[in-house]
């Protein structure tokens, strides 16, 4: 079993959203899609929200924002405790 960091998980999720721009996933679906633990998925999703890469809809789904966000912004959100 390999060890995955929050940055790795956030990048994995980011790549999935980049490949499918209209993707709208619940937290459970994101965990399942990327085979992540609850804690790792929650931290990665939180970092992607804090960086502005994702937004959360009123029904709890995570969707990509239209504005571009850099990988550096995502990593900064992770370092700052997302």
PDB file of N, CA and C in Angstrom:
ATOM      1  N   UNK A   1       0.843  -1.179   0.000  1.00  0.00           N
ATOM      2  CA  UNK A   1       0.000   0.000   0.000  1.00  0.00           C
ATOM      3  C   UNK A   1       0.893   1.248   0.000  1.00  0.00           C
ATOM      4  N   UNK A   2       0.617   2.174  -0.897  1.00  0.00           N
ATOM      5  CA  UNK A   2       1.415   3.392  -0.958  1.00  0.00           C
ATOM      6  C   UNK A   2       0.753   4.493  -0.127  1.00  0.00           C
ATOM      7  N   UNK A   3       1.570   5.409   0.347  1.00  0.00           N
ATOM      8  CA  UNK A   3       1.105   6.517   1.171  1.00  0.00           C
ATOM      9  C   UNK A   3       0.788   7.697   0.266  1.00  0.00           C
ATOM     10  N   UNK A   4      -0.367   8.310   0.460  1.00  0.00           N
ATOM     11  CA  UNK A   4      -0.766   9.461  -0.330  1.00  0.00           C
ATOM     12  C   UNK A   4      -0.905  10.670   0.580  1.00  0.00           C
ATOM     13  N   UNK A   5      -0.324  11.777   0.178  1.00  0.00           N
ATOM     14  CA  UNK A   5      -0.417  13.015   0.948  1.00  0.00           C
ATOM     15  C   UNK A   5      -1.685  13.771   0.545  1.00  0.00           C
ATOM     16  N   UNK A   6      -2.005  14.799   1.305  1.00  0.00           N
ATOM     17  CA  UNK A   6      -3.150  15.647   0.973  1.00  0.00           C
ATOM     18  C   UNK A   6      -2.912  16.320  -0.373  1.00  0.00           C
ATOM     19  N   UNK A   7      -1.675  16.730  -0.636  1.00  0.00           N
ATOM     20  CA  UNK A   7      -1.359  17.352  -1.925  1.00  0.00           C
ATOM     21  C   UNK A   7      -1.613  16.363  -3.063  1.00  0.00           C
ATOM     22  N   UNK A   8      -1.178  15.118  -2.879  1.00  0.00           N
ATOM     23  CA  UNK A   8      -1.422  14.090  -3.900  1.00  0.00           C
ATOM     24  C   UNK A   8      -2.914  13.908  -4.139  1.00  0.00           C
ATOM     25  N   UNK A   9      -3.682  13.820  -3.055  1.00  0.00           N
ATOM     26  CA  UNK A   9      -5.132  13.614  -3.170  1.00  0.00           C
ATOM     27  C   UNK A   9      -5.796  14.815  -3.843  1.00  0.00           C
ATOM     28  N   UNK A  10      -5.390  16.018  -3.469  1.00  0.00           N
ATOM     29  CA  UNK A  10      -5.959  17.222  -4.082  1.00  0.00           C
ATOM     30  C   UNK A  10      -5.630  17.269  -5.572  1.00  0.00           C
ATOM     31  N   UNK A  11      -4.404  16.898  -5.928  1.00  0.00           N
ATOM     32  CA  UNK A  11      -4.026  16.886  -7.343  1.00  0.00           C
ATOM     33  C   UNK A  11      -4.801  15.822  -8.115  1.00  0.00           C
ATOM     34  N   UNK A  12      -5.024  14.687  -7.504  1.00  0.00           N
ATOM     35  CA  UNK A  12      -5.809  13.633  -8.143  1.00  0.00           C
ATOM     36  C   UNK A  12      -7.239  14.109  -8.407  1.00  0.00           C
ATOM     37  N   UNK A  13      -7.848  14.709  -7.405  1.00  0.00           N
ATOM     38  CA  UNK A  13      -9.197  15.251  -7.583  1.00  0.00           C
ATOM     39  C   UNK A  13      -9.206  16.372  -8.613  1.00  0.00           C
ATOM     40  N   UNK A  14      -8.210  17.228  -8.559  1.00  0.00           N
ATOM     41  CA  UNK A  14      -8.115  18.346  -9.508  1.00  0.00           C
ATOM     42  C   UNK A  14      -8.054  17.823 -10.938  1.00  0.00           C
ATOM     43  N   UNK A  15      -7.276  16.770 -11.163  1.00  0.00           N
ATOM     44  CA  UNK A  15      -7.170  16.195 -12.508  1.00  0.00           C
ATOM     45  C   UNK A  15      -8.503  15.611 -12.982  1.00  0.00           C
ATOM     46  N   UNK A  16      -9.248  14.981 -12.071  1.00  0.00           N
ATOM     47  CA  UNK A  16     -10.561  14.449 -12.440  1.00  0.00           C
ATOM     48  C   UNK A  16     -11.497  15.577 -12.858  1.00  0.00           C
ATOM     49  N   UNK A  17     -11.505  16.664 -12.091  1.00  0.00           N
ATOM     50  CA  UNK A  17     -12.361  17.800 -12.428  1.00  0.00           C
ATOM     51  C   UNK A  17     -11.903  18.488 -13.706  1.00  0.00           C
ATOM     52  N   UNK A  18     -10.590  18.525 -13.955  1.00  0.00           N
ATOM     53  CA  UNK A  18     -10.070  19.145 -15.180  1.00  0.00           C
ATOM     54  C   UNK A  18     -10.486  18.343 -16.409  1.00  0.00           C
ATOM     55  N   UNK A  19     -10.519  17.026 -16.287  1.00  0.00           N
ATOM     56  CA  UNK A  19     -10.900  16.167 -17.416  1.00  0.00           C
ATOM     57  C   UNK A  19     -12.394  16.228 -17.708  1.00  0.00           C
ATOM     58  N   UNK A  20     -13.197  16.499 -16.680  1.00  0.00           N
ATOM     59  CA  UNK A  20     -14.655  16.530 -16.838  1.00  0.00           C
ATOM     60  C   UNK A  20     -15.196  17.830 -16.233  1.00  0.00           C
ATOM     61  N   UNK A  21     -15.150  18.926 -16.978  1.00  0.00           N
ATOM     62  CA  UNK A  21     -15.504  20.243 -16.430  1.00  0.00           C
ATOM     63  C   UNK A  21     -16.873  20.344 -15.775  1.00  0.00           C
ATOM     64  N   UNK A  22     -17.856  19.590 -16.200  1.00  0.00           N
ATOM     65  CA  UNK A  22     -19.187  19.668 -15.611  1.00  0.00           C
ATOM     66  C   UNK A  22     -19.391  18.727 -14.430  1.00  0.00           C
ATOM     67  N   UNK A  23     -18.326  18.104 -13.975  1.00  0.00           N
ATOM     68  CA  UNK A  23     -18.407  17.117 -12.894  1.00  0.00           C
ATOM     69  C   UNK A  23     -18.936  17.753 -11.613  1.00  0.00           C
ATOM     70  N   UNK A  24     -19.896  17.103 -10.990  1.00  0.00           N
ATOM     71  CA  UNK A  24     -20.468  17.570  -9.722  1.00  0.00           C
ATOM     72  C   UNK A  24     -20.595  16.350  -8.818  1.00  0.00           C
ATOM     73  N   UNK A  25     -19.726  16.263  -7.820  1.00  0.00           N
ATOM     74  CA  UNK A  25     -19.666  15.087  -6.955  1.00  0.00           C
ATOM     75  C   UNK A  25     -19.978  15.426  -5.509  1.00  0.00           C
ATOM     76  N   UNK A  26     -20.625  14.487  -4.829  1.00  0.00           N
ATOM     77  CA  UNK A  26     -20.732  14.597  -3.380  1.00  0.00           C
ATOM     78  C   UNK A  26     -19.382  14.192  -2.799  1.00  0.00           C
ATOM     79  N   UNK A  27     -19.174  14.434  -1.526  1.00  0.00           N
ATOM     80  CA  UNK A  27     -17.920  14.034  -0.882  1.00  0.00           C
ATOM     81  C   UNK A  27     -17.762  12.517  -0.971  1.00  0.00           C
ATOM     82  N   UNK A  28     -18.844  11.790  -0.775  1.00  0.00           N
ATOM     83  CA  UNK A  28     -18.785  10.333  -0.851  1.00  0.00           C
ATOM     84  C   UNK A  28     -18.358   9.881  -2.246  1.00  0.00           C
ATOM     85  N   UNK A  29     -18.926  10.487  -3.276  1.00  0.00           N
ATOM     86  CA  UNK A  29     -18.589  10.117  -4.651  1.00  0.00           C
ATOM     87  C   UNK A  29     -17.130  10.440  -4.971  1.00  0.00           C
ATOM     88  N   UNK A  30     -16.641  11.576  -4.479  1.00  0.00           N
ATOM     89  CA  UNK A  30     -15.237  11.940  -4.703  1.00  0.00           C
ATOM     90  C   UNK A  30     -14.310  10.928  -4.028  1.00  0.00           C
ATOM     91  N   UNK A  31     -14.647  10.528  -2.797  1.00  0.00           N
ATOM     92  CA  UNK A  31     -13.847   9.521  -2.089  1.00  0.00           C
ATOM     93  C   UNK A  31     -13.822   8.219  -2.880  1.00  0.00           C
ATOM     94  N   UNK A  32     -14.962   7.815  -3.340  1.00  0.00           N
ATOM     95  CA  UNK A  32     -15.082   6.550  -4.069  1.00  0.00           C
ATOM     96  C   UNK A  32     -14.349   6.600  -5.411  1.00  0.00           C
ATOM     97  N   UNK A  33     -14.505   7.697  -6.138  1.00  0.00           N
ATOM     98  CA  UNK A  33     -13.867   7.851  -7.442  1.00  0.00           C
ATOM     99  C   UNK A  33     -12.344   7.723  -7.348  1.00  0.00           C
ATOM    100  N   UNK A  34     -11.775   8.331  -6.319  1.00  0.00           N
ATOM    101  CA  UNK A  34     -10.314   8.361  -6.183  1.00  0.00           C
ATOM    102  C   UNK A  34      -9.781   7.372  -5.160  1.00  0.00           C
ATOM    103  N   UNK A  35     -10.668   6.560  -4.584  1.00  0.00           N
ATOM    104  CA  UNK A  35     -10.261   5.548  -3.600  1.00  0.00           C
ATOM    105  C   UNK A  35      -9.485   6.184  -2.439  1.00  0.00           C
ATOM    106  N   UNK A  36     -10.088   7.185  -1.811  1.00  0.00           N
ATOM    107  CA  UNK A  36      -9.460   7.920  -0.716  1.00  0.00           C
ATOM    108  C   UNK A  36     -10.160   7.606   0.599  1.00  0.00           C
ATOM    109  N   UNK A  37      -9.429   7.741   1.683  1.00  0.00           N
ATOM    110  CA  UNK A  37     -10.044   7.615   3.003  1.00  0.00           C
ATOM    111  C   UNK A  37     -10.927   8.835   3.250  1.00  0.00           C
ATOM    112  N   UNK A  38     -11.823   8.721   4.209  1.00  0.00           N
ATOM    113  CA  UNK A  38     -12.702   9.848   4.539  1.00  0.00           C
ATOM    114  C   UNK A  38     -11.896  11.092   4.896  1.00  0.00           C
ATOM    115  N   UNK A  39     -10.925  10.929   5.787  1.00  0.00           N
ATOM    116  CA  UNK A  39     -10.136  12.077   6.250  1.00  0.00           C
ATOM    117  C   UNK A  39      -9.340  12.708   5.114  1.00  0.00           C
ATOM    118  N   UNK A  40      -8.691  11.887   4.312  1.00  0.00           N
ATOM    119  CA  UNK A  40      -7.872  12.410   3.220  1.00  0.00           C
ATOM    120  C   UNK A  40      -8.735  13.126   2.185  1.00  0.00           C
ATOM    121  N   UNK A  41      -9.859  12.546   1.836  1.00  0.00           N
ATOM    122  CA  UNK A  41     -10.761  13.181   0.871  1.00  0.00           C
ATOM    123  C   UNK A  41     -11.299  14.497   1.414  1.00  0.00           C
ATOM    124  N   UNK A  42     -11.699  14.513   2.676  1.00  0.00           N
ATOM    125  CA  UNK A  42     -12.229  15.745   3.269  1.00  0.00           C
ATOM    126  C   UNK A  42     -11.186  16.850   3.294  1.00  0.00           C
ATOM    127  N   UNK A  43      -9.953  16.507   3.646  1.00  0.00           N
ATOM    128  CA  UNK A  43      -8.889  17.514   3.671  1.00  0.00           C
ATOM    129  C   UNK A  43      -8.575  18.019   2.270  1.00  0.00           C
ATOM    130  N   UNK A  44      -8.554  17.112   1.279  1.00  0.00           N
ATOM    131  CA  UNK A  44      -8.275  17.517  -0.102  1.00  0.00           C
ATOM    132  C   UNK A  44      -9.405  18.393  -0.647  1.00  0.00           C
ATOM    133  N   UNK A  45     -10.653  18.002  -0.411  1.00  0.00           N
ATOM    134  CA  UNK A  45     -11.787  18.801  -0.868  1.00  0.00           C
ATOM    135  C   UNK A  45     -11.794  20.176  -0.202  1.00  0.00           C
ATOM    136  N   UNK A  46     -11.474  20.207   1.078  1.00  0.00           N
ATOM    137  CA  UNK A  46     -11.413  21.482   1.799  1.00  0.00           C
ATOM    138  C   UNK A  46     -10.339  22.385   1.198  1.00  0.00           C
ATOM    139  N   UNK A  47      -9.183  21.815   0.886  1.00  0.00           N
ATOM    140  CA  UNK A  47      -8.095  22.591   0.275  1.00  0.00           C
ATOM    141  C   UNK A  47      -8.518  23.126  -1.087  1.00  0.00           C
ATOM    142  N   UNK A  48      -9.204  22.319  -1.866  1.00  0.00           N
ATOM    143  CA  UNK A  48      -9.667  22.763  -3.179  1.00  0.00           C
ATOM    144  C   UNK A  48     -10.744  23.842  -3.062  1.00  0.00           C
ATOM    145  N   UNK A  49     -11.556  23.775  -2.022  1.00  0.00           N
ATOM    146  CA  UNK A  49     -12.526  24.845  -1.757  1.00  0.00           C
ATOM    147  C   UNK A  49     -11.817  26.129  -1.345  1.00  0.00           C
ATOM    148  N   UNK A  50     -10.891  26.008  -0.389  1.00  0.00           N
ATOM    149  CA  UNK A  50     -10.175  27.177   0.131  1.00  0.00           C
ATOM    150  C   UNK A  50      -9.348  27.877  -0.943  1.00  0.00           C
ATOM    151  N   UNK A  51      -8.802  27.099  -1.871  1.00  0.00           N
ATOM    152  CA  UNK A  51      -7.987  27.682  -2.939  1.00  0.00           C
ATOM    153  C   UNK A  51      -8.846  28.333  -4.017  1.00  0.00           C
ATOM    154  N   UNK A  52     -10.142  28.030  -4.014  1.00  0.00           N
ATOM    155  CA  UNK A  52     -11.032  28.575  -5.023  1.00  0.00           C
ATOM    156  C   UNK A  52     -11.177  27.699  -6.254  1.00  0.00           C
ATOM    157  N   UNK A  53     -10.542  26.527  -6.256  1.00  0.00           N
ATOM    158  CA  UNK A  53     -10.649  25.630  -7.412  1.00  0.00           C
ATOM    159  C   UNK A  53     -12.046  25.018  -7.506  1.00  0.00           C
ATOM    160  N   UNK A  54     -12.597  24.657  -6.360  1.00  0.00           N
ATOM    161  CA  UNK A  54     -13.940  24.089  -6.316  1.00  0.00           C
ATOM    162  C   UNK A  54     -14.892  25.031  -5.591  1.00  0.00           C
ATOM    163  N   UNK A  55     -16.159  24.824  -5.834  1.00  0.00           N
ATOM    164  CA  UNK A  55     -17.219  25.487  -5.069  1.00  0.00           C
ATOM    165  C   UNK A  55     -18.186  24.399  -4.621  1.00  0.00           C
ATOM    166  N   UNK A  56     -18.958  24.693  -3.614  1.00  0.00           N
ATOM    167  CA  UNK A  56     -19.924  23.714  -3.118  1.00  0.00           C
ATOM    168  C   UNK A  56     -21.323  24.227  -3.431  1.00  0.00           C
ATOM    169  N   UNK A  57     -22.121  23.380  -4.053  1.00  0.00           N
ATOM    170  CA  UNK A  57     -23.481  23.770  -4.426  1.00  0.00           C
ATOM    171  C   UNK A  57     -24.393  23.676  -3.208  1.00  0.00           C
ATOM    172  N   UNK A  58     -25.599  24.190  -3.355  1.00  0.00           N
ATOM    173  CA  UNK A  58     -26.551  24.169  -2.240  1.00  0.00           C
ATOM    174  C   UNK A  58     -26.947  22.747  -1.847  1.00  0.00           C
ATOM    175  N   UNK A  59     -26.844  21.804  -2.777  1.00  0.00           N
ATOM    176  CA  UNK A  59     -27.180  20.418  -2.438  1.00  0.00           C
ATOM    177  C   UNK A  59     -25.953  19.608  -1.993  1.00  0.00           C
ATOM    178  N   UNK A  60     -24.824  20.293  -1.749  1.00  0.00           N
ATOM    179  CA  UNK A  60     -23.646  19.634  -1.183  1.00  0.00           C
ATOM    180  C   UNK A  60     -22.674  19.033  -2.172  1.00  0.00           C
ATOM    181  N   UNK A  61     -22.870  19.264  -3.444  1.00  0.00           N
ATOM    182  CA  UNK A  61     -21.953  18.721  -4.447  1.00  0.00           C
ATOM    183  C   UNK A  61     -20.784  19.686  -4.666  1.00  0.00           C
ATOM    184  N   UNK A  62     -19.666  19.124  -5.042  1.00  0.00           N
ATOM    185  CA  UNK A  62     -18.469  19.899  -5.330  1.00  0.00           C
ATOM    186  C   UNK A  62     -18.329  20.034  -6.836  1.00  0.00           C
ATOM    187  N   UNK A  63     -18.182  21.288  -7.303  1.00  0.00           N
ATOM    188  CA  UNK A  63     -18.036  21.572  -8.730  1.00  0.00           C
ATOM    189  C   UNK A  63     -16.845  22.497  -8.932  1.00  0.00           C
ATOM    190  N   UNK A  64     -16.261  22.394 -10.099  1.00  0.00           N
ATOM    191  CA  UNK A  64     -15.126  23.251 -10.442  1.00  0.00           C
ATOM    192  C   UNK A  64     -15.617  24.667 -10.731  1.00  0.00           C
ATOM    193  N   UNK A  65     -14.851  25.637 -10.240  1.00  0.00           N
ATOM    194  CA  UNK A  65     -15.162  27.037 -10.541  1.00  0.00           C
ATOM    195  C   UNK A  65     -14.686  27.368 -11.950  1.00  0.00           C
ATOM    196  N   UNK A  66     -15.279  28.374 -12.537  1.00  0.00           N
ATOM    197  CA  UNK A  66     -14.914  28.769 -13.896  1.00  0.00           C
ATOM    198  C   UNK A  66     -13.554  29.466 -13.939  1.00  0.00           C
ATOM    199  N   UNK A  67     -13.188  30.161 -12.878  1.00  0.00           N
ATOM    200  CA  UNK A  67     -11.930  30.900 -12.884  1.00  0.00           C
ATOM    201  C   UNK A  67     -10.751  29.956 -12.634  1.00  0.00           C
ATOM    202  N   UNK A  68      -9.641  30.199 -13.311  1.00  0.00           N
ATOM    203  CA  UNK A  68      -8.475  29.322 -13.144  1.00  0.00           C
ATOM    204  C   UNK A  68      -7.809  29.507 -11.780  1.00  0.00           C
ATOM    205  N   UNK A  69      -7.325  28.402 -11.219  1.00  0.00           N
ATOM    206  CA  UNK A  69      -6.612  28.406  -9.943  1.00  0.00           C
ATOM    207  C   UNK A  69      -5.325  27.621 -10.157  1.00  0.00           C
ATOM    208  N   UNK A  70      -4.232  28.136  -9.643  1.00  0.00           N
ATOM    209  CA  UNK A  70      -2.944  27.469  -9.830  1.00  0.00           C
ATOM    210  C   UNK A  70      -2.738  26.356  -8.812  1.00  0.00           C
ATOM    211  N   UNK A  71      -1.849  25.442  -9.143  1.00  0.00           N
ATOM    212  CA  UNK A  71      -1.469  24.380  -8.216  1.00  0.00           C
ATOM    213  C   UNK A  71      -0.844  24.993  -6.967  1.00  0.00           C
ATOM    214  N   UNK A  72      -0.111  26.077  -7.142  1.00  0.00           N
ATOM    215  CA  UNK A  72       0.516  26.754  -6.000  1.00  0.00           C
ATOM    216  C   UNK A  72      -0.533  27.256  -5.009  1.00  0.00           C
ATOM    217  N   UNK A  73      -1.653  27.762  -5.509  1.00  0.00           N
ATOM    218  CA  UNK A  73      -2.724  28.234  -4.625  1.00  0.00           C
ATOM    219  C   UNK A  73      -3.327  27.075  -3.841  1.00  0.00           C
ATOM    220  N   UNK A  74      -3.453  25.927  -4.481  1.00  0.00           N
ATOM    221  CA  UNK A  74      -3.985  24.749  -3.800  1.00  0.00           C
ATOM    222  C   UNK A  74      -3.018  24.284  -2.726  1.00  0.00           C
ATOM    223  N   UNK A  75      -1.729  24.221  -3.055  1.00  0.00           N
ATOM    224  CA  UNK A  75      -0.728  23.794  -2.070  1.00  0.00           C
ATOM    225  C   UNK A  75      -0.642  24.787  -0.914  1.00  0.00           C
ATOM    226  N   UNK A  76      -0.805  26.068  -1.179  1.00  0.00           N
ATOM    227  CA  UNK A  76      -0.796  27.084  -0.115  1.00  0.00           C
ATOM    228  C   UNK A  76      -1.976  26.864   0.818  1.00  0.00           C
ATOM    229  N   UNK A  77      -3.144  26.541   0.277  1.00  0.00           N
ATOM    230  CA  UNK A  77      -4.331  26.273   1.099  1.00  0.00           C
ATOM    231  C   UNK A  77      -4.101  25.059   1.988  1.00  0.00           C
ATOM    232  N   UNK A  78      -3.417  24.054   1.470  1.00  0.00           N
ATOM    233  CA  UNK A  78      -3.107  22.870   2.260  1.00  0.00           C
ATOM    234  C   UNK A  78      -2.149  23.213   3.392  1.00  0.00           C
ATOM    235  N   UNK A  79      -1.107  23.965   3.083  1.00  0.00           N
ATOM    236  CA  UNK A  79      -0.133  24.356   4.111  1.00  0.00           C
ATOM    237  C   UNK A  79      -0.752  25.216   5.200  1.00  0.00           C
ATOM    238  N   UNK A  80      -1.743  26.019   4.829  1.00  0.00           N
ATOM    239  CA  UNK A  80      -2.370  26.917   5.795  1.00  0.00           C
ATOM    240  C   UNK A  80      -3.459  26.239   6.624  1.00  0.00           C
ATOM    241  N   UNK A  81      -3.581  24.924   6.448  1.00  0.00           N
ATOM    242  CA  UNK A  81      -4.456  24.182   7.343  1.00  0.00           C
ATOM    243  C   UNK A  81      -5.789  23.771   6.795  1.00  0.00           C
ATOM    244  N   UNK A  82      -5.973  23.819   5.519  1.00  0.00           N
ATOM    245  CA  UNK A  82      -7.255  23.384   4.953  1.00  0.00           C
ATOM    246  C   UNK A  82      -7.483  21.915   5.173  1.00  0.00           C
TER     247      UNK A  82
END
